[in-house]
Amino acid sequence: MPMSDKRRSHLDTIYAVLRACERGSKPTRVMQRANLNHAQLKRYVALLIGYGLLEEVDNQFHTTAKGRLFMTSFERLVRIMNE
């Protein structure tokens, strides 16, 4: 759900990672779904785990309840900005 810029913002990328992990995803699948390279994936996963938005269980990443709240809030913000 990126905004209208050609390049994604930092928040757009965070949203893409969280969305990719909603039902649990292995690292390669997250990279594909969020369109990230390995170095970017490592940075974003560390950041999101640090904020409690993502967790790793059995080599799969899962969006936490706090992460789902972030996603809902971000979607609302994008809708408001596009009105």
N, C-alpha and C. Protein backbone atom coordinates (compact mmCIF):
# COMPACT_ATOMS: atom_id res chain seq x y z
N MET A 1 0.82 -1.18 0.00
CA MET A 1 0.00 0.00 0.00
C MET A 1 0.88 1.25 0.00
N PRO A 2 1.84 1.33 -0.90
CA PRO A 2 2.71 2.49 -0.92
C PRO A 2 1.98 3.75 -1.34
N MET A 3 2.51 4.86 -0.86
CA MET A 3 1.94 6.14 -1.25
C MET A 3 2.36 6.42 -2.70
N SER A 4 2.12 7.59 -3.22
CA SER A 4 2.27 7.85 -4.64
C SER A 4 3.71 8.08 -5.12
N ASP A 5 4.69 8.09 -4.25
CA ASP A 5 6.07 8.28 -4.68
C ASP A 5 6.56 7.06 -5.45
N LYS A 6 7.58 7.28 -6.29
CA LYS A 6 8.15 6.17 -7.05
C LYS A 6 8.92 5.23 -6.14
N ARG A 7 9.64 5.78 -5.16
CA ARG A 7 10.38 4.96 -4.20
C ARG A 7 9.55 4.79 -2.94
N ARG A 8 9.68 3.64 -2.31
CA ARG A 8 8.94 3.41 -1.08
C ARG A 8 9.58 4.17 0.07
N SER A 9 8.75 4.61 0.98
CA SER A 9 9.26 5.22 2.19
C SER A 9 9.64 4.12 3.18
N HIS A 10 10.31 4.53 4.22
CA HIS A 10 10.70 3.61 5.29
C HIS A 10 9.44 2.95 5.87
N LEU A 11 8.39 3.72 6.08
CA LEU A 11 7.15 3.18 6.65
C LEU A 11 6.46 2.23 5.68
N ASP A 12 6.51 2.51 4.39
CA ASP A 12 5.95 1.60 3.39
C ASP A 12 6.64 0.25 3.44
N THR A 13 7.95 0.27 3.61
CA THR A 13 8.72 -0.97 3.66
C THR A 13 8.39 -1.74 4.93
N ILE A 14 8.27 -1.05 6.05
CA ILE A 14 7.88 -1.70 7.30
C ILE A 14 6.52 -2.36 7.12
N TYR A 15 5.58 -1.65 6.53
CA TYR A 15 4.24 -2.20 6.28
C TYR A 15 4.33 -3.45 5.41
N ALA A 16 5.14 -3.41 4.37
CA ALA A 16 5.28 -4.55 3.47
C ALA A 16 5.83 -5.78 4.20
N VAL A 17 6.80 -5.58 5.07
CA VAL A 17 7.37 -6.70 5.84
C VAL A 17 6.33 -7.26 6.79
N LEU A 18 5.64 -6.39 7.51
CA LEU A 18 4.62 -6.86 8.45
C LEU A 18 3.50 -7.61 7.74
N ARG A 19 3.11 -7.10 6.60
CA ARG A 19 2.05 -7.76 5.83
C ARG A 19 2.52 -9.14 5.34
N ALA A 20 3.76 -9.21 4.92
CA ALA A 20 4.31 -10.49 4.45
C ALA A 20 4.36 -11.54 5.56
N CYS A 21 4.39 -11.08 6.79
CA CYS A 21 4.55 -11.99 7.93
C CYS A 21 3.27 -12.23 8.71
N GLU A 22 2.16 -11.75 8.21
CA GLU A 22 0.89 -11.88 8.96
C GLU A 22 0.56 -13.32 9.33
N ARG A 23 0.79 -14.25 8.43
CA ARG A 23 0.46 -15.65 8.69
C ARG A 23 1.70 -16.50 8.93
N GLY A 24 2.82 -15.83 9.12
CA GLY A 24 4.08 -16.54 9.32
C GLY A 24 4.76 -16.80 8.00
N SER A 25 6.01 -16.40 7.90
CA SER A 25 6.77 -16.58 6.66
C SER A 25 8.23 -16.81 6.96
N LYS A 26 8.84 -17.65 6.15
CA LYS A 26 10.28 -17.85 6.24
C LYS A 26 10.99 -16.66 5.60
N PRO A 27 12.27 -16.46 5.93
CA PRO A 27 12.99 -15.28 5.44
C PRO A 27 12.95 -15.09 3.92
N THR A 28 13.13 -16.15 3.16
CA THR A 28 13.13 -16.01 1.70
C THR A 28 11.78 -15.52 1.20
N ARG A 29 10.73 -16.02 1.77
CA ARG A 29 9.38 -15.61 1.35
C ARG A 29 9.13 -14.14 1.70
N VAL A 30 9.62 -13.70 2.85
CA VAL A 30 9.47 -12.28 3.22
C VAL A 30 10.23 -11.41 2.23
N MET A 31 11.44 -11.82 1.86
CA MET A 31 12.22 -11.06 0.88
C MET A 31 11.45 -10.92 -0.43
N GLN A 32 10.83 -12.00 -0.87
CA GLN A 32 10.08 -11.98 -2.12
C GLN A 32 8.84 -11.10 -2.02
N ARG A 33 8.06 -11.30 -0.98
CA ARG A 33 6.81 -10.56 -0.83
C ARG A 33 7.03 -9.07 -0.59
N ALA A 34 8.07 -8.73 0.16
CA ALA A 34 8.33 -7.32 0.48
C ALA A 34 9.33 -6.68 -0.48
N ASN A 35 9.83 -7.46 -1.43
CA ASN A 35 10.78 -6.97 -2.43
C ASN A 35 12.03 -6.36 -1.78
N LEU A 36 12.69 -7.18 -0.96
CA LEU A 36 13.90 -6.75 -0.25
C LEU A 36 15.05 -7.68 -0.58
N ASN A 37 16.27 -7.18 -0.49
CA ASN A 37 17.43 -8.06 -0.58
C ASN A 37 17.76 -8.56 0.83
N HIS A 38 18.73 -9.44 0.94
CA HIS A 38 19.03 -10.06 2.23
C HIS A 38 19.50 -9.04 3.27
N ALA A 39 20.34 -8.11 2.87
CA ALA A 39 20.84 -7.10 3.81
C ALA A 39 19.69 -6.23 4.33
N GLN A 40 18.78 -5.85 3.44
CA GLN A 40 17.63 -5.05 3.86
C GLN A 40 16.73 -5.85 4.81
N LEU A 41 16.52 -7.11 4.48
CA LEU A 41 15.70 -7.97 5.33
C LEU A 41 16.28 -8.03 6.74
N LYS A 42 17.57 -8.25 6.85
CA LYS A 42 18.21 -8.34 8.16
C LYS A 42 18.00 -7.06 8.97
N ARG A 43 18.18 -5.91 8.30
CA ARG A 43 18.00 -4.61 9.00
C ARG A 43 16.57 -4.43 9.48
N TYR A 44 15.61 -4.67 8.59
CA TYR A 44 14.21 -4.45 8.95
C TYR A 44 13.72 -5.45 9.99
N VAL A 45 14.12 -6.69 9.88
CA VAL A 45 13.71 -7.69 10.86
C VAL A 45 14.25 -7.32 12.24
N ALA A 46 15.51 -6.93 12.32
CA ALA A 46 16.09 -6.53 13.61
C ALA A 46 15.33 -5.33 14.19
N LEU A 47 15.04 -4.36 13.35
CA LEU A 47 14.31 -3.17 13.79
C LEU A 47 12.92 -3.54 14.31
N LEU A 48 12.20 -4.34 13.54
CA LEU A 48 10.82 -4.67 13.89
C LEU A 48 10.74 -5.59 15.11
N ILE A 49 11.67 -6.49 15.25
CA ILE A 49 11.71 -7.33 16.45
C ILE A 49 12.03 -6.44 17.66
N GLY A 50 12.94 -5.50 17.49
CA GLY A 50 13.29 -4.58 18.57
C GLY A 50 12.11 -3.74 19.05
N TYR A 51 11.22 -3.37 18.15
CA TYR A 51 10.04 -2.59 18.50
C TYR A 51 8.86 -3.46 18.92
N GLY A 52 9.03 -4.77 18.84
CA GLY A 52 7.96 -5.67 19.24
C GLY A 52 6.86 -5.82 18.21
N LEU A 53 7.15 -5.47 16.95
CA LEU A 53 6.17 -5.57 15.88
C LEU A 53 6.23 -6.92 15.16
N LEU A 54 7.33 -7.63 15.37
CA LEU A 54 7.59 -8.89 14.67
C LEU A 54 8.25 -9.84 15.66
N GLU A 55 8.00 -11.13 15.49
CA GLU A 55 8.67 -12.13 16.31
C GLU A 55 9.11 -13.28 15.41
N GLU A 56 10.15 -13.98 15.87
CA GLU A 56 10.64 -15.13 15.12
C GLU A 56 10.39 -16.39 15.94
N VAL A 57 9.71 -17.35 15.30
CA VAL A 57 9.42 -18.63 15.94
C VAL A 57 9.74 -19.72 14.94
N ASP A 58 10.64 -20.63 15.30
CA ASP A 58 11.00 -21.76 14.43
C ASP A 58 11.38 -21.32 13.02
N ASN A 59 12.26 -20.33 12.91
CA ASN A 59 12.76 -19.80 11.64
C ASN A 59 11.64 -19.23 10.76
N GLN A 60 10.57 -18.79 11.37
CA GLN A 60 9.50 -18.08 10.66
C GLN A 60 9.23 -16.78 11.39
N PHE A 61 8.92 -15.75 10.63
CA PHE A 61 8.60 -14.46 11.20
C PHE A 61 7.08 -14.31 11.25
N HIS A 62 6.60 -13.76 12.37
CA HIS A 62 5.17 -13.55 12.58
C HIS A 62 4.94 -12.12 13.03
N THR A 63 3.93 -11.48 12.46
CA THR A 63 3.53 -10.15 12.89
C THR A 63 2.83 -10.28 14.24
N THR A 64 3.24 -9.47 15.20
CA THR A 64 2.64 -9.49 16.54
C THR A 64 1.35 -8.67 16.56
N ALA A 65 0.64 -8.70 17.68
CA ALA A 65 -0.56 -7.88 17.84
C ALA A 65 -0.20 -6.40 17.69
N LYS A 66 0.93 -6.01 18.24
CA LYS A 66 1.39 -4.62 18.12
C LYS A 66 1.69 -4.30 16.65
N GLY A 67 2.23 -5.26 15.93
CA GLY A 67 2.50 -5.07 14.50
C GLY A 67 1.22 -4.91 13.70
N ARG A 68 0.19 -5.69 14.06
CA ARG A 68 -1.10 -5.56 13.38
C ARG A 68 -1.73 -4.20 13.67
N LEU A 69 -1.55 -3.71 14.89
CA LEU A 69 -2.04 -2.37 15.24
C LEU A 69 -1.33 -1.31 14.40
N PHE A 70 -0.01 -1.47 14.22
CA PHE A 70 0.75 -0.55 13.37
C PHE A 70 0.18 -0.57 11.96
N MET A 71 -0.09 -1.76 11.42
CA MET A 71 -0.59 -1.88 10.06
C MET A 71 -1.94 -1.16 9.90
N THR A 72 -2.83 -1.38 10.86
CA THR A 72 -4.15 -0.73 10.81
C THR A 72 -4.01 0.79 10.87
N SER A 73 -3.16 1.27 11.75
CA SER A 73 -2.94 2.71 11.88
C SER A 73 -2.32 3.29 10.61
N PHE A 74 -1.38 2.58 10.03
CA PHE A 74 -0.74 3.05 8.79
C PHE A 74 -1.75 3.10 7.65
N GLU A 75 -2.60 2.09 7.54
CA GLU A 75 -3.62 2.07 6.49
C GLU A 75 -4.56 3.26 6.64
N ARG A 76 -4.95 3.58 7.87
CA ARG A 76 -5.82 4.74 8.11
C ARG A 76 -5.11 6.04 7.71
N LEU A 77 -3.87 6.16 8.07
CA LEU A 77 -3.11 7.36 7.74
C LEU A 77 -3.01 7.54 6.22
N VAL A 78 -2.74 6.48 5.52
CA VAL A 78 -2.64 6.55 4.05
C VAL A 78 -3.97 6.98 3.44
N ARG A 79 -5.08 6.40 3.97
CA ARG A 79 -6.41 6.79 3.47
C ARG A 79 -6.67 8.27 3.70
N ILE A 80 -6.33 8.78 4.88
CA ILE A 80 -6.54 10.20 5.19
C ILE A 80 -5.71 11.07 4.26
N MET A 81 -4.48 10.68 4.04
CA MET A 81 -3.59 11.50 3.20
C MET A 81 -4.01 11.48 1.72
N ASN A 82 -4.68 10.42 1.31
CA ASN A 82 -5.10 10.32 -0.10
C ASN A 82 -6.49 10.91 -0.36
N GLU A 83 -7.14 11.42 0.67
CA GLU A 83 -8.48 12.02 0.49
C GLU A 83 -8.36 13.36 -0.21
